[in-house]
Amino acid sequence: MKFNRTILIVLSLFVPASMMLSACQSAAAPTAAPAAPSASGSALAVTGLADKPLTLSEKDLRAMTVATITADQPKVGSASFTGVRISDLMKAASVQAAAATLVLTGSDGYSAQIDMATLKACADCMVAFTDTPGTFLAVMPGQAGKLWVKGVAKLDFK
């Protein structure tokens, strides 16, 4: 009888505890992450004060004028980058003269902004291809490290 009571007490504590833990896990479990952009999927948006907003896959970007530059990446040093110059993306999207800043946003939500005068003076600023298809790096030679946005997914002209 004492053995049955002990089992009953243990079960009465274990069952609610396991239910609470189960509920916590399902509530805290992240929802399904969106699939990583593929080489043919939409990966870069050019939005804001643009007459022709763009949504570009890596294939679309590679069909544009592609350049290769060497630049000093903050914290890494000199490296070679291949991609599409932001000035070419601005032309393709017909960015309006009223745009005063560019906000670069990464796929992780990180964002940084640069004023248009500084951006226009940066002939080699680009969206570079990375080793992961559909993932890009904002290459901003001569600019602060915070502007070198990894996984850049959006260029928003404001």
N, C-alpha and C. Protein backbone atom coordinates (compact mmCIF):
# COMPACT_ATOMS: atom_id res chain seq x y z
N MET A 1 0.81 -1.19 0.00
CA MET A 1 0.00 0.00 0.00
C MET A 1 0.86 1.26 0.00
N LYS A 2 1.93 1.26 0.83
CA LYS A 2 2.83 2.41 0.87
C LYS A 2 3.52 2.59 -0.48
N PHE A 3 3.87 1.49 -1.14
CA PHE A 3 4.50 1.53 -2.45
C PHE A 3 3.57 2.18 -3.48
N ASN A 4 2.29 1.80 -3.47
CA ASN A 4 1.30 2.37 -4.39
C ASN A 4 1.13 3.87 -4.15
N ARG A 5 1.12 4.28 -2.89
CA ARG A 5 0.98 5.68 -2.56
C ARG A 5 2.18 6.48 -3.08
N THR A 6 3.39 5.92 -2.94
CA THR A 6 4.60 6.58 -3.43
C THR A 6 4.54 6.76 -4.94
N ILE A 7 4.12 5.71 -5.63
CA ILE A 7 3.99 5.79 -7.10
C ILE A 7 2.96 6.84 -7.47
N LEU A 8 1.86 6.85 -6.77
CA LEU A 8 0.80 7.82 -7.04
C LEU A 8 1.30 9.25 -6.83
N ILE A 9 2.05 9.47 -5.77
CA ILE A 9 2.58 10.81 -5.50
C ILE A 9 3.58 11.22 -6.59
N VAL A 10 4.47 10.31 -6.96
CA VAL A 10 5.47 10.61 -7.99
C VAL A 10 4.77 10.92 -9.31
N LEU A 11 3.78 10.10 -9.67
CA LEU A 11 3.06 10.34 -10.92
C LEU A 11 2.29 11.65 -10.88
N SER A 12 1.69 11.95 -9.73
CA SER A 12 0.92 13.19 -9.64
C SER A 12 1.82 14.42 -9.76
N LEU A 13 3.09 14.29 -9.42
CA LEU A 13 4.04 15.39 -9.60
C LEU A 13 4.64 15.39 -11.00
N PHE A 14 4.92 14.20 -11.50
CA PHE A 14 5.60 14.06 -12.79
C PHE A 14 4.71 14.47 -13.97
N VAL A 15 3.47 14.03 -13.97
CA VAL A 15 2.57 14.28 -15.09
C VAL A 15 2.34 15.78 -15.29
N PRO A 16 1.95 16.54 -14.26
CA PRO A 16 1.78 17.99 -14.48
C PRO A 16 3.09 18.69 -14.87
N ALA A 17 4.20 18.25 -14.27
CA ALA A 17 5.48 18.86 -14.61
C ALA A 17 5.84 18.61 -16.06
N SER A 18 5.62 17.39 -16.52
CA SER A 18 5.94 17.08 -17.92
C SER A 18 5.01 17.82 -18.86
N MET A 19 3.75 18.01 -18.47
CA MET A 19 2.82 18.77 -19.30
C MET A 19 3.25 20.22 -19.40
N MET A 20 3.69 20.78 -18.27
CA MET A 20 4.13 22.18 -18.29
C MET A 20 5.38 22.33 -19.15
N LEU A 21 6.31 21.40 -19.00
CA LEU A 21 7.52 21.48 -19.83
C LEU A 21 7.19 21.32 -21.30
N SER A 22 6.28 20.43 -21.60
CA SER A 22 5.87 20.21 -22.98
C SER A 22 5.23 21.48 -23.54
N ALA A 23 4.39 22.12 -22.75
CA ALA A 23 3.74 23.36 -23.19
C ALA A 23 4.76 24.46 -23.40
N CYS A 24 5.76 24.53 -22.51
CA CYS A 24 6.80 25.56 -22.64
C CYS A 24 7.61 25.33 -23.90
N GLN A 25 7.91 24.08 -24.18
CA GLN A 25 8.71 23.78 -25.37
C GLN A 25 7.96 24.14 -26.63
N SER A 26 6.70 23.79 -26.72
CA SER A 26 5.98 24.10 -27.95
C SER A 26 5.72 25.59 -28.08
N ALA A 27 5.57 26.31 -26.96
CA ALA A 27 5.37 27.75 -27.05
C ALA A 27 6.66 28.45 -27.42
N ALA A 28 7.79 27.93 -26.93
CA ALA A 28 9.07 28.57 -27.19
C ALA A 28 9.70 28.10 -28.48
N ALA A 29 9.22 26.99 -29.01
CA ALA A 29 9.82 26.45 -30.23
C ALA A 29 9.60 27.44 -31.37
N PRO A 30 10.65 27.71 -32.12
CA PRO A 30 10.49 28.67 -33.21
C PRO A 30 9.60 28.10 -34.29
N THR A 31 8.91 28.99 -34.96
CA THR A 31 8.12 28.55 -36.09
C THR A 31 9.08 28.17 -37.20
N ALA A 32 8.59 27.45 -38.14
CA ALA A 32 9.44 26.99 -39.23
C ALA A 32 10.11 28.19 -39.88
N ALA A 33 11.42 28.12 -39.97
CA ALA A 33 12.17 29.21 -40.59
C ALA A 33 11.93 29.20 -42.08
N PRO A 34 11.88 30.36 -42.69
CA PRO A 34 11.72 30.38 -44.13
C PRO A 34 12.92 29.74 -44.78
N ALA A 35 12.66 29.13 -45.88
CA ALA A 35 13.74 28.46 -46.60
C ALA A 35 14.76 29.50 -47.03
N ALA A 36 16.02 29.11 -47.01
CA ALA A 36 17.08 30.00 -47.46
C ALA A 36 16.87 30.30 -48.93
N PRO A 37 17.12 31.52 -49.34
CA PRO A 37 16.93 31.86 -50.74
C PRO A 37 17.85 31.02 -51.60
N SER A 38 17.33 30.58 -52.70
CA SER A 38 18.14 29.80 -53.62
C SER A 38 18.70 30.74 -54.68
N ALA A 39 19.55 30.21 -55.54
CA ALA A 39 20.16 31.03 -56.59
C ALA A 39 19.09 31.61 -57.51
N SER A 40 17.94 30.94 -57.60
CA SER A 40 16.90 31.44 -58.49
C SER A 40 15.77 32.11 -57.73
N GLY A 41 15.81 32.08 -56.39
CA GLY A 41 14.74 32.67 -55.58
C GLY A 41 14.95 34.14 -55.34
N SER A 42 13.90 34.83 -54.87
CA SER A 42 14.01 36.24 -54.55
C SER A 42 14.87 36.41 -53.32
N ALA A 43 15.88 37.27 -53.42
CA ALA A 43 16.78 37.43 -52.29
C ALA A 43 17.07 38.88 -51.96
N LEU A 44 16.94 39.78 -52.90
CA LEU A 44 17.29 41.19 -52.66
C LEU A 44 16.15 42.07 -53.14
N ALA A 45 15.67 42.94 -52.24
CA ALA A 45 14.62 43.89 -52.59
C ALA A 45 15.20 45.29 -52.63
N VAL A 46 14.84 46.04 -53.64
CA VAL A 46 15.21 47.46 -53.74
C VAL A 46 13.90 48.22 -53.68
N THR A 47 13.70 48.95 -52.57
CA THR A 47 12.40 49.56 -52.30
C THR A 47 12.54 51.03 -51.91
N GLY A 48 11.42 51.62 -51.55
CA GLY A 48 11.40 52.99 -51.07
C GLY A 48 11.14 53.98 -52.18
N LEU A 49 11.92 55.03 -52.21
CA LEU A 49 11.75 56.09 -53.21
C LEU A 49 12.37 55.65 -54.53
N ALA A 50 11.73 54.66 -55.14
CA ALA A 50 12.18 54.11 -56.42
C ALA A 50 10.96 54.00 -57.32
N ASP A 51 11.10 54.49 -58.56
CA ASP A 51 10.00 54.40 -59.50
C ASP A 51 9.74 52.96 -59.94
N LYS A 52 10.78 52.13 -59.89
CA LYS A 52 10.67 50.72 -60.30
C LYS A 52 11.24 49.83 -59.20
N PRO A 53 10.50 49.63 -58.11
CA PRO A 53 11.02 48.75 -57.05
C PRO A 53 11.38 47.39 -57.63
N LEU A 54 12.43 46.79 -57.09
CA LEU A 54 12.93 45.53 -57.63
C LEU A 54 12.94 44.43 -56.58
N THR A 55 12.74 43.22 -57.03
CA THR A 55 12.97 42.02 -56.24
C THR A 55 13.85 41.14 -57.12
N LEU A 56 15.10 40.94 -56.68
CA LEU A 56 16.09 40.30 -57.53
C LEU A 56 16.62 39.00 -56.93
N SER A 57 16.66 37.97 -57.74
CA SER A 57 17.29 36.72 -57.35
C SER A 57 18.79 36.84 -57.68
N GLU A 58 19.56 35.89 -57.24
CA GLU A 58 20.98 35.92 -57.59
C GLU A 58 21.14 35.82 -59.11
N LYS A 59 20.31 35.04 -59.73
CA LYS A 59 20.37 34.91 -61.20
C LYS A 59 20.13 36.28 -61.86
N ASP A 60 19.14 37.03 -61.35
CA ASP A 60 18.84 38.37 -61.87
C ASP A 60 20.05 39.29 -61.71
N LEU A 61 20.67 39.25 -60.52
CA LEU A 61 21.83 40.09 -60.25
C LEU A 61 23.00 39.73 -61.16
N ARG A 62 23.23 38.44 -61.34
CA ARG A 62 24.34 38.01 -62.20
C ARG A 62 24.11 38.36 -63.66
N ALA A 63 22.86 38.63 -64.04
CA ALA A 63 22.55 39.05 -65.41
C ALA A 63 22.83 40.54 -65.62
N MET A 64 23.03 41.27 -64.52
CA MET A 64 23.35 42.70 -64.61
C MET A 64 24.85 42.87 -64.82
N THR A 65 25.33 44.10 -64.87
CA THR A 65 26.76 44.37 -64.98
C THR A 65 27.43 43.98 -63.67
N VAL A 66 28.28 42.96 -63.74
CA VAL A 66 28.97 42.44 -62.56
C VAL A 66 30.40 42.98 -62.56
N ALA A 67 30.86 43.44 -61.41
CA ALA A 67 32.20 43.99 -61.27
C ALA A 67 32.95 43.23 -60.18
N THR A 68 34.27 43.23 -60.28
CA THR A 68 35.12 42.66 -59.24
C THR A 68 36.04 43.76 -58.76
N ILE A 69 36.08 43.94 -57.44
CA ILE A 69 36.92 44.98 -56.84
C ILE A 69 37.75 44.37 -55.72
N THR A 70 38.78 45.08 -55.32
CA THR A 70 39.54 44.74 -54.12
C THR A 70 39.30 45.87 -53.14
N ALA A 71 38.92 45.51 -51.92
CA ALA A 71 38.62 46.51 -50.91
C ALA A 71 39.09 46.03 -49.55
N ASP A 72 39.33 46.99 -48.66
CA ASP A 72 39.71 46.67 -47.28
C ASP A 72 38.45 46.50 -46.45
N GLN A 73 38.16 45.25 -46.11
CA GLN A 73 37.00 44.97 -45.28
C GLN A 73 37.40 45.16 -43.82
N PRO A 74 36.63 45.96 -43.08
CA PRO A 74 36.96 46.16 -41.67
C PRO A 74 37.09 44.83 -40.94
N LYS A 75 38.08 44.73 -40.09
CA LYS A 75 38.35 43.55 -39.26
C LYS A 75 38.86 42.35 -40.04
N VAL A 76 38.90 42.43 -41.38
CA VAL A 76 39.36 41.29 -42.18
C VAL A 76 40.58 41.66 -43.01
N GLY A 77 40.56 42.87 -43.55
CA GLY A 77 41.65 43.33 -44.41
C GLY A 77 41.26 43.28 -45.87
N SER A 78 42.27 43.32 -46.72
CA SER A 78 42.07 43.39 -48.16
C SER A 78 41.51 42.07 -48.70
N ALA A 79 40.48 42.19 -49.53
CA ALA A 79 39.86 41.01 -50.13
C ALA A 79 39.25 41.41 -51.47
N SER A 80 38.99 40.41 -52.28
CA SER A 80 38.37 40.61 -53.58
C SER A 80 36.87 40.32 -53.47
N PHE A 81 36.06 41.17 -54.09
CA PHE A 81 34.61 41.02 -54.04
C PHE A 81 34.04 41.13 -55.44
N THR A 82 33.05 40.31 -55.74
CA THR A 82 32.37 40.34 -57.03
C THR A 82 30.89 40.54 -56.78
N GLY A 83 30.31 41.50 -57.49
CA GLY A 83 28.89 41.76 -57.31
C GLY A 83 28.41 42.88 -58.21
N VAL A 84 27.30 43.48 -57.86
CA VAL A 84 26.68 44.55 -58.64
C VAL A 84 26.80 45.84 -57.84
N ARG A 85 27.30 46.87 -58.49
CA ARG A 85 27.45 48.16 -57.83
C ARG A 85 26.07 48.71 -57.44
N ILE A 86 26.01 49.34 -56.29
CA ILE A 86 24.75 49.92 -55.82
C ILE A 86 24.29 51.01 -56.79
N SER A 87 25.22 51.72 -57.40
CA SER A 87 24.83 52.75 -58.37
C SER A 87 24.07 52.13 -59.55
N ASP A 88 24.45 50.92 -59.96
CA ASP A 88 23.73 50.24 -61.05
C ASP A 88 22.34 49.80 -60.58
N LEU A 89 22.23 49.38 -59.33
CA LEU A 89 20.93 49.00 -58.78
C LEU A 89 20.02 50.23 -58.68
N MET A 90 20.62 51.37 -58.31
CA MET A 90 19.85 52.61 -58.22
C MET A 90 19.29 52.99 -59.59
N LYS A 91 20.12 52.85 -60.63
CA LYS A 91 19.66 53.17 -61.99
C LYS A 91 18.55 52.22 -62.40
N ALA A 92 18.72 50.93 -62.14
CA ALA A 92 17.73 49.93 -62.54
C ALA A 92 16.39 50.17 -61.85
N ALA A 93 16.43 50.62 -60.60
CA ALA A 93 15.20 50.87 -59.83
C ALA A 93 14.68 52.28 -60.03
N SER A 94 15.40 53.11 -60.73
CA SER A 94 15.05 54.52 -60.92
C SER A 94 14.79 55.20 -59.57
N VAL A 95 15.84 55.20 -58.74
CA VAL A 95 15.74 55.84 -57.43
C VAL A 95 15.50 57.34 -57.62
N GLN A 96 14.54 57.87 -56.90
CA GLN A 96 14.14 59.26 -57.03
C GLN A 96 15.18 60.20 -56.40
N ALA A 97 15.29 61.39 -56.97
CA ALA A 97 16.22 62.40 -56.47
C ALA A 97 15.90 62.81 -55.04
N ALA A 98 14.66 62.61 -54.60
CA ALA A 98 14.25 62.98 -53.24
C ALA A 98 14.84 62.05 -52.17
N ALA A 99 15.39 60.92 -52.58
CA ALA A 99 15.96 59.99 -51.60
C ALA A 99 17.15 60.64 -50.90
N ALA A 100 17.13 60.64 -49.58
CA ALA A 100 18.20 61.26 -48.79
C ALA A 100 19.11 60.23 -48.14
N THR A 101 18.58 59.02 -47.91
CA THR A 101 19.38 57.96 -47.27
C THR A 101 19.05 56.61 -47.87
N LEU A 102 19.98 55.69 -47.66
CA LEU A 102 19.77 54.29 -48.00
C LEU A 102 19.85 53.51 -46.71
N VAL A 103 18.84 52.70 -46.44
CA VAL A 103 18.85 51.80 -45.29
C VAL A 103 19.11 50.40 -45.83
N LEU A 104 20.23 49.81 -45.38
CA LEU A 104 20.59 48.44 -45.76
C LEU A 104 20.10 47.52 -44.64
N THR A 105 19.32 46.52 -44.98
CA THR A 105 18.77 45.61 -43.98
C THR A 105 19.19 44.19 -44.29
N GLY A 106 19.71 43.51 -43.28
CA GLY A 106 20.13 42.12 -43.43
C GLY A 106 18.98 41.17 -43.18
N SER A 107 19.16 39.93 -43.57
CA SER A 107 18.12 38.92 -43.39
C SER A 107 17.87 38.64 -41.91
N ASP A 108 18.80 39.03 -41.04
CA ASP A 108 18.63 38.85 -39.59
C ASP A 108 17.96 40.05 -38.93
N GLY A 109 17.57 41.07 -39.74
CA GLY A 109 16.91 42.25 -39.20
C GLY A 109 17.85 43.40 -38.89
N TYR A 110 19.16 43.16 -38.89
CA TYR A 110 20.12 44.24 -38.65
C TYR A 110 20.00 45.26 -39.78
N SER A 111 20.10 46.54 -39.44
CA SER A 111 20.07 47.56 -40.48
C SER A 111 21.06 48.68 -40.16
N ALA A 112 21.51 49.33 -41.22
CA ALA A 112 22.42 50.46 -41.11
C ALA A 112 22.03 51.43 -42.22
N GLN A 113 22.34 52.70 -42.01
CA GLN A 113 21.98 53.66 -43.06
C GLN A 113 23.16 54.53 -43.44
N ILE A 114 23.12 54.99 -44.68
CA ILE A 114 24.15 55.86 -45.24
C ILE A 114 23.45 56.98 -46.00
N ASP A 115 23.99 58.17 -45.90
CA ASP A 115 23.36 59.29 -46.61
C ASP A 115 23.70 59.18 -48.10
N MET A 116 22.83 59.72 -48.92
CA MET A 116 22.97 59.57 -50.38
C MET A 116 24.22 60.25 -50.92
N ALA A 117 24.62 61.38 -50.36
CA ALA A 117 25.82 62.06 -50.86
C ALA A 117 27.05 61.16 -50.68
N THR A 118 27.16 60.53 -49.52
CA THR A 118 28.28 59.63 -49.26
C THR A 118 28.19 58.41 -50.16
N LEU A 119 26.97 57.87 -50.32
CA LEU A 119 26.79 56.69 -51.18
C LEU A 119 27.16 57.00 -52.63
N LYS A 120 26.72 58.13 -53.14
CA LYS A 120 27.01 58.50 -54.53
C LYS A 120 28.50 58.72 -54.75
N ALA A 121 29.22 59.13 -53.71
CA ALA A 121 30.66 59.33 -53.81
C ALA A 121 31.43 58.00 -53.76
N CYS A 122 30.75 56.93 -53.41
CA CYS A 122 31.38 55.61 -53.27
C CYS A 122 31.14 54.81 -54.56
N ALA A 123 32.03 54.96 -55.50
CA ALA A 123 31.86 54.31 -56.80
C ALA A 123 31.88 52.78 -56.71
N ASP A 124 32.58 52.23 -55.72
CA ASP A 124 32.71 50.78 -55.62
C ASP A 124 31.78 50.14 -54.59
N CYS A 125 30.88 50.90 -53.97
CA CYS A 125 29.92 50.28 -53.05
C CYS A 125 29.08 49.29 -53.85
N MET A 126 28.93 48.09 -53.33
CA MET A 126 28.23 47.06 -54.10
C MET A 126 27.51 46.06 -53.21
N VAL A 127 26.67 45.29 -53.86
CA VAL A 127 26.06 44.10 -53.26
C VAL A 127 26.84 42.94 -53.86
N ALA A 128 27.65 42.29 -53.02
CA ALA A 128 28.54 41.24 -53.49
C ALA A 128 27.96 39.86 -53.27
N PHE A 129 28.33 38.95 -54.14
CA PHE A 129 27.94 37.55 -54.02
C PHE A 129 28.79 36.91 -52.93
N THR A 130 28.24 35.90 -52.28
CA THR A 130 28.99 35.17 -51.26
C THR A 130 29.06 33.70 -51.69
N ASP A 131 29.68 32.89 -50.85
CA ASP A 131 29.78 31.46 -51.14
C ASP A 131 28.44 30.75 -51.00
N THR A 132 27.48 31.39 -50.35
CA THR A 132 26.15 30.80 -50.18
C THR A 132 25.21 31.41 -51.21
N PRO A 133 24.72 30.63 -52.16
CA PRO A 133 23.82 31.17 -53.19
C PRO A 133 22.62 31.89 -52.58
N GLY A 134 22.30 33.06 -53.14
CA GLY A 134 21.15 33.83 -52.67
C GLY A 134 21.44 34.66 -51.43
N THR A 135 22.68 34.67 -50.96
CA THR A 135 23.08 35.46 -49.80
C THR A 135 24.12 36.47 -50.26
N PHE A 136 23.95 37.71 -49.82
CA PHE A 136 24.80 38.80 -50.31
C PHE A 136 25.44 39.57 -49.17
N LEU A 137 26.50 40.30 -49.51
CA LEU A 137 27.21 41.16 -48.56
C LEU A 137 27.23 42.56 -49.13
N ALA A 138 26.89 43.55 -48.31
CA ALA A 138 27.03 44.94 -48.71
C ALA A 138 28.50 45.30 -48.55
N VAL A 139 29.16 45.55 -49.65
CA VAL A 139 30.58 45.93 -49.64
C VAL A 139 30.62 47.45 -49.75
N MET A 140 31.17 48.09 -48.71
CA MET A 140 31.14 49.55 -48.61
C MET A 140 32.54 50.09 -48.38
N PRO A 141 33.40 50.08 -49.41
CA PRO A 141 34.79 50.52 -49.24
C PRO A 141 34.88 51.93 -48.67
N GLY A 142 35.78 52.10 -47.70
CA GLY A 142 36.01 53.40 -47.09
C GLY A 142 34.95 53.81 -46.07
N GLN A 143 33.97 52.95 -45.83
CA GLN A 143 32.89 53.27 -44.89
C GLN A 143 33.07 52.47 -43.60
N ALA A 144 32.34 52.86 -42.58
CA ALA A 144 32.39 52.19 -41.28
C ALA A 144 31.98 50.72 -41.42
N GLY A 145 32.54 49.89 -40.56
CA GLY A 145 32.25 48.46 -40.59
C GLY A 145 30.78 48.14 -40.44
N LYS A 146 30.02 48.97 -39.73
CA LYS A 146 28.59 48.70 -39.53
C LYS A 146 27.81 48.72 -40.83
N LEU A 147 28.35 49.36 -41.88
CA LEU A 147 27.66 49.41 -43.17
C LEU A 147 27.90 48.17 -44.02
N TRP A 148 28.87 47.35 -43.63
CA TRP A 148 29.15 46.12 -44.37
C TRP A 148 28.15 45.06 -43.89
N VAL A 149 26.92 45.19 -44.32
CA VAL A 149 25.83 44.34 -43.83
C VAL A 149 25.92 42.94 -44.44
N LYS A 150 26.01 41.94 -43.56
CA LYS A 150 26.03 40.55 -44.00
C LYS A 150 24.60 40.11 -44.29
N GLY A 151 24.43 39.28 -45.29
CA GLY A 151 23.10 38.78 -45.60
C GLY A 151 22.13 39.88 -46.02
N VAL A 152 22.67 40.92 -46.66
CA VAL A 152 21.81 42.05 -47.05
C VAL A 152 20.66 41.55 -47.91
N ALA A 153 19.45 41.91 -47.49
CA ALA A 153 18.25 41.44 -48.18
C ALA A 153 17.40 42.58 -48.73
N LYS A 154 17.69 43.81 -48.25
CA LYS A 154 16.85 44.94 -48.67
C LYS A 154 17.66 46.21 -48.73
N LEU A 155 17.47 46.94 -49.81
CA LEU A 155 18.01 48.30 -49.97
C LEU A 155 16.79 49.20 -50.01
N ASP A 156 16.59 50.01 -48.98
CA ASP A 156 15.41 50.86 -48.87
C ASP A 156 15.84 52.32 -48.96
N PHE A 157 15.47 52.95 -50.05
CA PHE A 157 15.83 54.35 -50.26
C PHE A 157 14.76 55.23 -49.65
N LYS A 158 15.18 56.14 -48.73
CA LYS A 158 14.23 57.01 -48.03
C LYS A 158 14.59 58.46 -48.24
